[in-house]
Amino acid sequence: MRVLPEGVDSPAWLHGESAFTTIRTRHGRPLLLDAHLTRLHDTCAFLGLPAPDTALPALEALTWGLLRLTVTASGTLWSHRPLTPGLRPVGGVDVRLTGMQVHPQLGLYKTGNYLPYRLAARHATPAFEGWLTDGAGHVVDGSRTSPLLELDGELVCPAGGLPGVTRAAFLAGRSHVQRAVSVTDLPRVTGAWLCGSGVGVVPVRRLEGPGRSLELPVRWPQTTDDALVWPIDDPATPTT
């Protein structure tokens, strides 16, 4: 047993009383920055934290990077690291519907109270992503990405989860709806994608869960937008 380190004995680190956002960077330039800062500001207001500091530091010109901004009662902290997700999954990725649920009050915000998402990722292994539900049995969010579905002939953002910045950027100018999606609706899904700063927009090839396995067509978005592509220098690079 060790003594709790100085600086960790605070609500931010013990109870998750913090707000954060993770921003993709390209050669040191933050992408979709305004949208990330707006969402972060809203989360801070909800939690009663100080507004985020928007004066960003000079960033290393990484080819692809992830900038994390974390706000606690003592101010805004930052880190910047290389974004290296590996080979592009040309054949799509697998998703598992987990038994984890988002917090009924915090599900709309990106807070340090992140345990349900960590557990969903663990329960989904070896699948690429795990989806979480709410207490009413609706699919609402992913452990690290935002879900986007093709259902009944239209693009659908499942309601009840974090408003995904990458997903919103992808949907700009596209016809779509946001509504509740029950777990019982999933057999009618004809396409699905995962959207997030770390991966861009990635098609789902298989949706798994208790008593179900749904094969889906793999359709990569036709885009060269740095915020939406898989982060490699050559998006056409083959993978295994």
C-alpha atoms as a PDB file:
ATOM      1  CA  MET A   1       0.000   0.000   0.000  1.00  0.00           C
ATOM      2  CA  ARG A   2       1.288   3.467  -0.912  1.00  0.00           C
ATOM      3  CA  VAL A   3       0.409   6.978   0.201  1.00  0.00           C
ATOM      4  CA  LEU A   4      -1.872   8.835  -2.202  1.00  0.00           C
ATOM      5  CA  PRO A   5       0.402  11.139  -4.251  1.00  0.00           C
ATOM      6  CA  GLU A   6       0.126  14.860  -3.664  1.00  0.00           C
ATOM      7  CA  GLY A   7      -2.069  16.515  -6.291  1.00  0.00           C
ATOM      8  CA  VAL A   8      -4.208  13.433  -6.868  1.00  0.00           C
ATOM      9  CA  ASP A   9      -6.281  13.973  -3.717  1.00  0.00           C
ATOM     10  CA  SER A  10      -8.879  16.136  -5.438  1.00  0.00           C
ATOM     11  CA  PRO A  11     -12.391  15.668  -6.880  1.00  0.00           C
ATOM     12  CA  ALA A  12     -10.988  15.868 -10.428  1.00  0.00           C
ATOM     13  CA  TRP A  13      -8.852  12.764 -10.055  1.00  0.00           C
ATOM     14  CA  LEU A  14     -10.793  10.862  -7.366  1.00  0.00           C
ATOM     15  CA  HIS A  15     -14.336  11.377  -8.667  1.00  0.00           C
ATOM     16  CA  GLY A  16     -13.971  12.428 -12.290  1.00  0.00           C
ATOM     17  CA  GLU A  17     -14.993  16.052 -11.692  1.00  0.00           C
ATOM     18  CA  SER A  18     -13.418  17.247 -14.928  1.00  0.00           C
ATOM     19  CA  ALA A  19     -14.302  17.964 -18.540  1.00  0.00           C
ATOM     20  CA  PHE A  20     -12.216  17.035 -21.549  1.00  0.00           C
ATOM     21  CA  THR A  21     -12.112  16.841 -25.303  1.00  0.00           C
ATOM     22  CA  THR A  22      -9.717  15.124 -27.687  1.00  0.00           C
ATOM     23  CA  ILE A  23      -8.864  16.996 -30.874  1.00  0.00           C
ATOM     24  CA  ARG A  24      -7.182  15.591 -33.971  1.00  0.00           C
ATOM     25  CA  THR A  25      -4.219  17.611 -35.212  1.00  0.00           C
ATOM     26  CA  ARG A  26      -2.548  17.651 -38.613  1.00  0.00           C
ATOM     27  CA  HIS A  27       1.032  18.966 -38.757  1.00  0.00           C
ATOM     28  CA  GLY A  28       0.340  20.686 -35.428  1.00  0.00           C
ATOM     29  CA  ARG A  29      -2.943  22.323 -36.543  1.00  0.00           C
ATOM     30  CA  PRO A  30      -6.025  21.443 -34.460  1.00  0.00           C
ATOM     31  CA  LEU A  31      -8.969  20.284 -36.593  1.00  0.00           C
ATOM     32  CA  LEU A  32     -12.623  21.157 -35.846  1.00  0.00           C
ATOM     33  CA  LEU A  33     -11.303  23.263 -32.992  1.00  0.00           C
ATOM     34  CA  ASP A  34     -14.272  25.622 -32.600  1.00  0.00           C
ATOM     35  CA  ALA A  35     -16.741  22.741 -32.322  1.00  0.00           C
ATOM     36  CA  HIS A  36     -14.583  20.984 -29.737  1.00  0.00           C
ATOM     37  CA  LEU A  37     -14.225  24.150 -27.660  1.00  0.00           C
ATOM     38  CA  THR A  38     -17.963  24.812 -27.794  1.00  0.00           C
ATOM     39  CA  ARG A  39     -18.754  21.312 -26.513  1.00  0.00           C
ATOM     40  CA  LEU A  40     -16.058  21.600 -23.851  1.00  0.00           C
ATOM     41  CA  HIS A  41     -17.439  24.961 -22.727  1.00  0.00           C
ATOM     42  CA  ASP A  42     -20.941  23.467 -22.407  1.00  0.00           C
ATOM     43  CA  THR A  43     -19.626  20.591 -20.314  1.00  0.00           C
ATOM     44  CA  CYS A  44     -17.727  22.946 -18.022  1.00  0.00           C
ATOM     45  CA  ALA A  45     -20.870  25.064 -17.529  1.00  0.00           C
ATOM     46  CA  PHE A  46     -22.895  21.957 -16.647  1.00  0.00           C
ATOM     47  CA  LEU A  47     -20.294  20.788 -14.106  1.00  0.00           C
ATOM     48  CA  GLY A  48     -19.715  24.258 -12.639  1.00  0.00           C
ATOM     49  CA  LEU A  49     -16.079  24.298 -13.753  1.00  0.00           C
ATOM     50  CA  PRO A  50     -14.209  27.358 -15.047  1.00  0.00           C
ATOM     51  CA  ALA A  51     -14.500  28.041 -18.761  1.00  0.00           C
ATOM     52  CA  PRO A  52     -11.719  26.373 -20.769  1.00  0.00           C
ATOM     53  CA  ASP A  53      -8.655  28.404 -21.653  1.00  0.00           C
ATOM     54  CA  THR A  54      -8.771  28.846 -25.430  1.00  0.00           C
ATOM     55  CA  ALA A  55      -5.210  30.181 -25.787  1.00  0.00           C
ATOM     56  CA  LEU A  56      -3.598  27.032 -27.119  1.00  0.00           C
ATOM     57  CA  PRO A  57       0.125  26.353 -26.772  1.00  0.00           C
ATOM     58  CA  ALA A  58       2.430  26.013 -29.755  1.00  0.00           C
ATOM     59  CA  LEU A  59       2.105  22.382 -30.798  1.00  0.00           C
ATOM     60  CA  GLU A  60       4.720  20.045 -32.222  1.00  0.00           C
ATOM     61  CA  ALA A  61       4.114  19.613 -35.965  1.00  0.00           C
ATOM     62  CA  LEU A  62       3.201  15.920 -35.732  1.00  0.00           C
ATOM     63  CA  THR A  63       1.985  14.360 -38.979  1.00  0.00           C
ATOM     64  CA  TRP A  64      -1.127  13.245 -37.108  1.00  0.00           C
ATOM     65  CA  GLY A  65      -1.689  14.022 -33.458  1.00  0.00           C
ATOM     66  CA  LEU A  66      -4.227  14.049 -30.644  1.00  0.00           C
ATOM     67  CA  LEU A  67      -4.503  17.137 -28.490  1.00  0.00           C
ATOM     68  CA  ARG A  68      -6.324  16.553 -25.211  1.00  0.00           C
ATOM     69  CA  LEU A  69      -7.693  19.492 -23.255  1.00  0.00           C
ATOM     70  CA  THR A  70      -8.754  18.731 -19.680  1.00  0.00           C
ATOM     71  CA  VAL A  71     -10.505  21.270 -17.453  1.00  0.00           C
ATOM     72  CA  THR A  72     -10.580  20.928 -13.663  1.00  0.00           C
ATOM     73  CA  ALA A  73     -11.441  23.377 -10.914  1.00  0.00           C
ATOM     74  CA  SER A  74      -7.819  24.555 -11.031  1.00  0.00           C
ATOM     75  CA  GLY A  75      -7.772  25.367 -14.756  1.00  0.00           C
ATOM     76  CA  THR A  76      -7.062  23.886 -18.191  1.00  0.00           C
ATOM     77  CA  LEU A  77      -4.418  21.224 -18.818  1.00  0.00           C
ATOM     78  CA  TRP A  78      -3.200  19.930 -22.173  1.00  0.00           C
ATOM     79  CA  SER A  79      -1.249  17.089 -23.747  1.00  0.00           C
ATOM     80  CA  HIS A  80      -0.321  16.335 -27.351  1.00  0.00           C
ATOM     81  CA  ARG A  81       0.773  12.943 -28.627  1.00  0.00           C
ATOM     82  CA  PRO A  82       1.193  11.190 -31.972  1.00  0.00           C
ATOM     83  CA  LEU A  83      -1.933   9.621 -33.445  1.00  0.00           C
ATOM     84  CA  THR A  84      -0.943   6.151 -34.659  1.00  0.00           C
ATOM     85  CA  PRO A  85      -4.015   3.876 -34.902  1.00  0.00           C
ATOM     86  CA  GLY A  86      -2.276   1.388 -37.170  1.00  0.00           C
ATOM     87  CA  LEU A  87      -3.209   0.059 -40.586  1.00  0.00           C
ATOM     88  CA  ARG A  88      -6.435   1.210 -42.184  1.00  0.00           C
ATOM     89  CA  PRO A  89      -9.105  -1.520 -41.746  1.00  0.00           C
ATOM     90  CA  VAL A  90     -10.142  -1.663 -45.397  1.00  0.00           C
ATOM     91  CA  GLY A  91     -12.626  -4.470 -44.721  1.00  0.00           C
ATOM     92  CA  GLY A  92     -14.408  -2.531 -41.979  1.00  0.00           C
ATOM     93  CA  VAL A  93     -14.523  -3.191 -38.235  1.00  0.00           C
ATOM     94  CA  ASP A  94     -16.559  -5.231 -35.772  1.00  0.00           C
ATOM     95  CA  VAL A  95     -18.798  -3.700 -33.104  1.00  0.00           C
ATOM     96  CA  ARG A  96     -20.244  -5.451 -30.072  1.00  0.00           C
ATOM     97  CA  LEU A  97     -23.366  -4.317 -28.268  1.00  0.00           C
ATOM     98  CA  THR A  98     -22.360  -4.450 -24.598  1.00  0.00           C
ATOM     99  CA  GLY A  99     -24.417  -4.513 -21.420  1.00  0.00           C
ATOM    100  CA  MET A 100     -22.969  -1.202 -20.237  1.00  0.00           C
ATOM    101  CA  GLN A 101     -25.150   1.898 -19.848  1.00  0.00           C
ATOM    102  CA  VAL A 102     -24.321   5.585 -20.007  1.00  0.00           C
ATOM    103  CA  HIS A 103     -24.908   7.747 -16.938  1.00  0.00           C
ATOM    104  CA  PRO A 104     -28.467   9.195 -17.136  1.00  0.00           C
ATOM    105  CA  GLN A 105     -27.310  12.765 -16.393  1.00  0.00           C
ATOM    106  CA  LEU A 106     -23.749  12.736 -17.733  1.00  0.00           C
ATOM    107  CA  GLY A 107     -24.217  10.852 -21.005  1.00  0.00           C
ATOM    108  CA  LEU A 108     -24.519  14.091 -22.982  1.00  0.00           C
ATOM    109  CA  TYR A 109     -21.194  15.411 -21.671  1.00  0.00           C
ATOM    110  CA  LYS A 110     -17.556  14.385 -21.982  1.00  0.00           C
ATOM    111  CA  THR A 111     -16.459  14.217 -18.364  1.00  0.00           C
ATOM    112  CA  GLY A 112     -13.767  12.508 -16.340  1.00  0.00           C
ATOM    113  CA  ASN A 113     -16.487  10.161 -15.072  1.00  0.00           C
ATOM    114  CA  TYR A 114     -15.573   7.777 -17.877  1.00  0.00           C
ATOM    115  CA  LEU A 115     -15.773   4.332 -16.283  1.00  0.00           C
ATOM    116  CA  PRO A 116     -18.829   3.032 -18.234  1.00  0.00           C
ATOM    117  CA  TYR A 117     -16.993   3.675 -21.514  1.00  0.00           C
ATOM    118  CA  ARG A 118     -13.825   1.971 -20.318  1.00  0.00           C
ATOM    119  CA  LEU A 119     -15.837  -1.049 -19.228  1.00  0.00           C
ATOM    120  CA  ALA A 120     -17.704  -1.136 -22.552  1.00  0.00           C
ATOM    121  CA  ALA A 121     -14.407  -1.201 -24.427  1.00  0.00           C
ATOM    122  CA  ARG A 122     -13.214  -4.052 -22.219  1.00  0.00           C
ATOM    123  CA  HIS A 123     -16.427  -6.043 -22.639  1.00  0.00           C
ATOM    124  CA  ALA A 124     -16.302  -5.551 -26.426  1.00  0.00           C
ATOM    125  CA  THR A 125     -12.840  -7.088 -26.826  1.00  0.00           C
ATOM    126  CA  PRO A 126     -11.746  -8.320 -29.356  1.00  0.00           C
ATOM    127  CA  ALA A 127     -14.195  -6.195 -31.351  1.00  0.00           C
ATOM    128  CA  PHE A 128     -12.975  -2.771 -32.462  1.00  0.00           C
ATOM    129  CA  GLU A 129     -15.724  -0.905 -30.574  1.00  0.00           C
ATOM    130  CA  GLY A 130     -18.389  -1.451 -27.939  1.00  0.00           C
ATOM    131  CA  TRP A 131     -21.768   0.271 -27.925  1.00  0.00           C
ATOM    132  CA  LEU A 132     -23.560   1.404 -24.785  1.00  0.00           C
ATOM    133  CA  THR A 133     -27.287   1.735 -24.120  1.00  0.00           C
ATOM    134  CA  ASP A 134     -29.441   3.801 -21.785  1.00  0.00           C
ATOM    135  CA  GLY A 135     -31.804   2.517 -19.123  1.00  0.00           C
ATOM    136  CA  ALA A 136     -34.647   2.231 -21.637  1.00  0.00           C
ATOM    137  CA  GLY A 137     -32.745  -0.076 -23.986  1.00  0.00           C
ATOM    138  CA  HIS A 138     -31.730   2.469 -26.608  1.00  0.00           C
ATOM    139  CA  VAL A 139     -28.349   2.415 -28.353  1.00  0.00           C
ATOM    140  CA  VAL A 140     -26.809   5.783 -27.499  1.00  0.00           C
ATOM    141  CA  ASP A 141     -23.010   5.835 -27.723  1.00  0.00           C
ATOM    142  CA  GLY A 142     -19.738   4.041 -28.314  1.00  0.00           C
ATOM    143  CA  SER A 143     -16.875   3.509 -25.915  1.00  0.00           C
ATOM    144  CA  ARG A 144     -14.606   5.806 -27.958  1.00  0.00           C
ATOM    145  CA  THR A 145     -16.573   6.783 -31.068  1.00  0.00           C
ATOM    146  CA  SER A 146     -20.027   8.088 -32.003  1.00  0.00           C
ATOM    147  CA  PRO A 147     -22.338   5.652 -33.828  1.00  0.00           C
ATOM    148  CA  LEU A 148     -24.042   6.557 -37.097  1.00  0.00           C
ATOM    149  CA  LEU A 149     -26.667   4.220 -38.564  1.00  0.00           C
ATOM    150  CA  GLU A 150     -28.480   3.741 -41.826  1.00  0.00           C
ATOM    151  CA  LEU A 151     -31.979   2.738 -40.767  1.00  0.00           C
ATOM    152  CA  ASP A 152     -35.209   2.677 -42.771  1.00  0.00           C
ATOM    153  CA  GLY A 153     -33.440   4.379 -45.674  1.00  0.00           C
ATOM    154  CA  GLU A 154     -32.080   7.366 -43.740  1.00  0.00           C
ATOM    155  CA  LEU A 155     -28.979   8.309 -41.775  1.00  0.00           C
ATOM    156  CA  VAL A 156     -29.757   8.265 -38.060  1.00  0.00           C
ATOM    157  CA  CYS A 157     -27.801   9.693 -35.131  1.00  0.00           C
ATOM    158  CA  PRO A 158     -28.880   7.736 -32.051  1.00  0.00           C
ATOM    159  CA  ALA A 159     -30.169  10.206 -29.443  1.00  0.00           C
ATOM    160  CA  GLY A 160     -29.002  10.217 -25.844  1.00  0.00           C
ATOM    161  CA  GLY A 161     -25.220  10.124 -26.164  1.00  0.00           C
ATOM    162  CA  LEU A 162     -22.362  12.560 -26.492  1.00  0.00           C
ATOM    163  CA  PRO A 163     -22.789  14.974 -29.425  1.00  0.00           C
ATOM    164  CA  GLY A 164     -19.896  13.751 -31.555  1.00  0.00           C
ATOM    165  CA  VAL A 165     -17.848  16.496 -33.220  1.00  0.00           C
ATOM    166  CA  THR A 166     -16.451  14.278 -36.004  1.00  0.00           C
ATOM    167  CA  ARG A 167     -19.891  12.821 -36.698  1.00  0.00           C
ATOM    168  CA  ALA A 168     -21.421  16.304 -36.933  1.00  0.00           C
ATOM    169  CA  ALA A 169     -18.699  17.381 -39.372  1.00  0.00           C
ATOM    170  CA  PHE A 170     -19.356  14.336 -41.552  1.00  0.00           C
ATOM    171  CA  LEU A 171     -23.118  14.953 -41.559  1.00  0.00           C
ATOM    172  CA  ALA A 172     -22.864  18.646 -42.429  1.00  0.00           C
ATOM    173  CA  GLY A 173     -24.908  19.122 -45.606  1.00  0.00           C
ATOM    174  CA  ARG A 174     -26.218  15.525 -45.535  1.00  0.00           C
ATOM    175  CA  SER A 175     -29.837  14.620 -44.897  1.00  0.00           C
ATOM    176  CA  HIS A 176     -30.156  12.890 -41.507  1.00  0.00           C
ATOM    177  CA  VAL A 177     -32.262  12.648 -38.366  1.00  0.00           C
ATOM    178  CA  GLN A 178     -31.527  12.323 -34.671  1.00  0.00           C
ATOM    179  CA  ARG A 179     -33.846  10.017 -32.785  1.00  0.00           C
ATOM    180  CA  ALA A 180     -34.018   7.222 -30.280  1.00  0.00           C
ATOM    181  CA  VAL A 181     -32.855   3.855 -31.603  1.00  0.00           C
ATOM    182  CA  SER A 182     -33.998   0.808 -29.691  1.00  0.00           C
ATOM    183  CA  VAL A 183     -31.860  -2.305 -29.503  1.00  0.00           C
ATOM    184  CA  THR A 184     -34.805  -4.035 -31.184  1.00  0.00           C
ATOM    185  CA  ASP A 185     -34.316  -1.745 -34.213  1.00  0.00           C
ATOM    186  CA  LEU A 186     -30.827  -3.063 -34.925  1.00  0.00           C
ATOM    187  CA  PRO A 187     -31.865  -5.963 -37.220  1.00  0.00           C
ATOM    188  CA  ARG A 188     -33.208  -3.315 -39.642  1.00  0.00           C
ATOM    189  CA  VAL A 189     -29.861  -1.485 -39.851  1.00  0.00           C
ATOM    190  CA  THR A 190     -28.465  -1.560 -43.396  1.00  0.00           C
ATOM    191  CA  GLY A 191     -25.228   0.297 -42.715  1.00  0.00           C
ATOM    192  CA  ALA A 192     -23.238   1.673 -39.782  1.00  0.00           C
ATOM    193  CA  TRP A 193     -20.196   3.859 -39.174  1.00  0.00           C
ATOM    194  CA  LEU A 194     -18.036   4.896 -36.245  1.00  0.00           C
ATOM    195  CA  CYS A 195     -17.011   8.548 -36.001  1.00  0.00           C
ATOM    196  CA  GLY A 196     -14.265   9.970 -33.792  1.00  0.00           C
ATOM    197  CA  SER A 197     -11.139  12.096 -33.645  1.00  0.00           C
ATOM    198  CA  GLY A 198      -8.896   9.061 -33.381  1.00  0.00           C
ATOM    199  CA  VAL A 199     -10.265   7.165 -36.380  1.00  0.00           C
ATOM    200  CA  GLY A 200     -12.251   9.558 -38.597  1.00  0.00           C
ATOM    201  CA  VAL A 201     -15.299   7.827 -40.109  1.00  0.00           C
ATOM    202  CA  VAL A 202     -15.006   4.027 -40.285  1.00  0.00           C
ATOM    203  CA  PRO A 203     -17.576   1.549 -41.673  1.00  0.00           C
ATOM    204  CA  VAL A 204     -18.852  -1.329 -39.552  1.00  0.00           C
ATOM    205  CA  ARG A 205     -18.767  -4.785 -41.164  1.00  0.00           C
ATOM    206  CA  ARG A 206     -20.319  -6.804 -38.331  1.00  0.00           C
ATOM    207  CA  LEU A 207     -22.564  -5.953 -35.404  1.00  0.00           C
ATOM    208  CA  GLU A 208     -22.524  -8.524 -32.628  1.00  0.00           C
ATOM    209  CA  GLY A 209     -24.409  -8.880 -29.379  1.00  0.00           C
ATOM    210  CA  PRO A 210     -26.313 -11.324 -27.216  1.00  0.00           C
ATOM    211  CA  GLY A 211     -28.210 -13.558 -29.625  1.00  0.00           C
ATOM    212  CA  ARG A 212     -27.377 -11.518 -32.737  1.00  0.00           C
ATOM    213  CA  SER A 213     -24.776 -11.176 -35.465  1.00  0.00           C
ATOM    214  CA  LEU A 214     -25.504  -8.795 -38.308  1.00  0.00           C
ATOM    215  CA  GLU A 215     -23.305  -8.528 -41.402  1.00  0.00           C
ATOM    216  CA  LEU A 216     -23.254  -5.054 -42.983  1.00  0.00           C
ATOM    217  CA  PRO A 217     -21.940  -3.638 -46.270  1.00  0.00           C
ATOM    218  CA  VAL A 218     -18.608  -1.854 -45.917  1.00  0.00           C
ATOM    219  CA  ARG A 219     -18.801   1.636 -47.416  1.00  0.00           C
ATOM    220  CA  TRP A 220     -15.949   4.021 -46.751  1.00  0.00           C
ATOM    221  CA  PRO A 221     -16.869   7.705 -47.122  1.00  0.00           C
ATOM    222  CA  GLN A 222     -15.542   9.326 -50.284  1.00  0.00           C
ATOM    223  CA  THR A 223     -13.651  12.156 -48.627  1.00  0.00           C
ATOM    224  CA  THR A 224     -10.162  13.587 -48.291  1.00  0.00           C
ATOM    225  CA  ASP A 225     -11.045  15.803 -45.324  1.00  0.00           C
ATOM    226  CA  ASP A 226      -8.229  15.506 -42.759  1.00  0.00           C
ATOM    227  CA  ALA A 227     -10.786  15.401 -39.953  1.00  0.00           C
ATOM    228  CA  LEU A 228     -12.672  12.447 -41.441  1.00  0.00           C
ATOM    229  CA  VAL A 229     -10.112  10.088 -43.011  1.00  0.00           C
ATOM    230  CA  TRP A 230      -8.255   7.271 -41.306  1.00  0.00           C
ATOM    231  CA  PRO A 231      -5.054   8.996 -40.129  1.00  0.00           C
ATOM    232  CA  ILE A 232      -2.366   7.672 -42.438  1.00  0.00           C
ATOM    233  CA  ASP A 233      -0.383   9.536 -45.074  1.00  0.00           C
ATOM    234  CA  ASP A 234      -1.907   7.473 -47.900  1.00  0.00           C
ATOM    235  CA  PRO A 235      -5.608   6.674 -47.215  1.00  0.00           C
ATOM    236  CA  ALA A 236      -5.491   4.020 -49.952  1.00  0.00           C
ATOM    237  CA  THR A 237      -2.809   1.988 -48.191  1.00  0.00           C
ATOM    238  CA  PRO A 238      -3.987  -1.679 -48.014  1.00  0.00           C
ATOM    239  CA  THR A 239      -4.287  -3.492 -44.721  1.00  0.00           C
ATOM    240  CA  THR A 240      -4.867  -6.974 -43.448  1.00  0.00           C
END
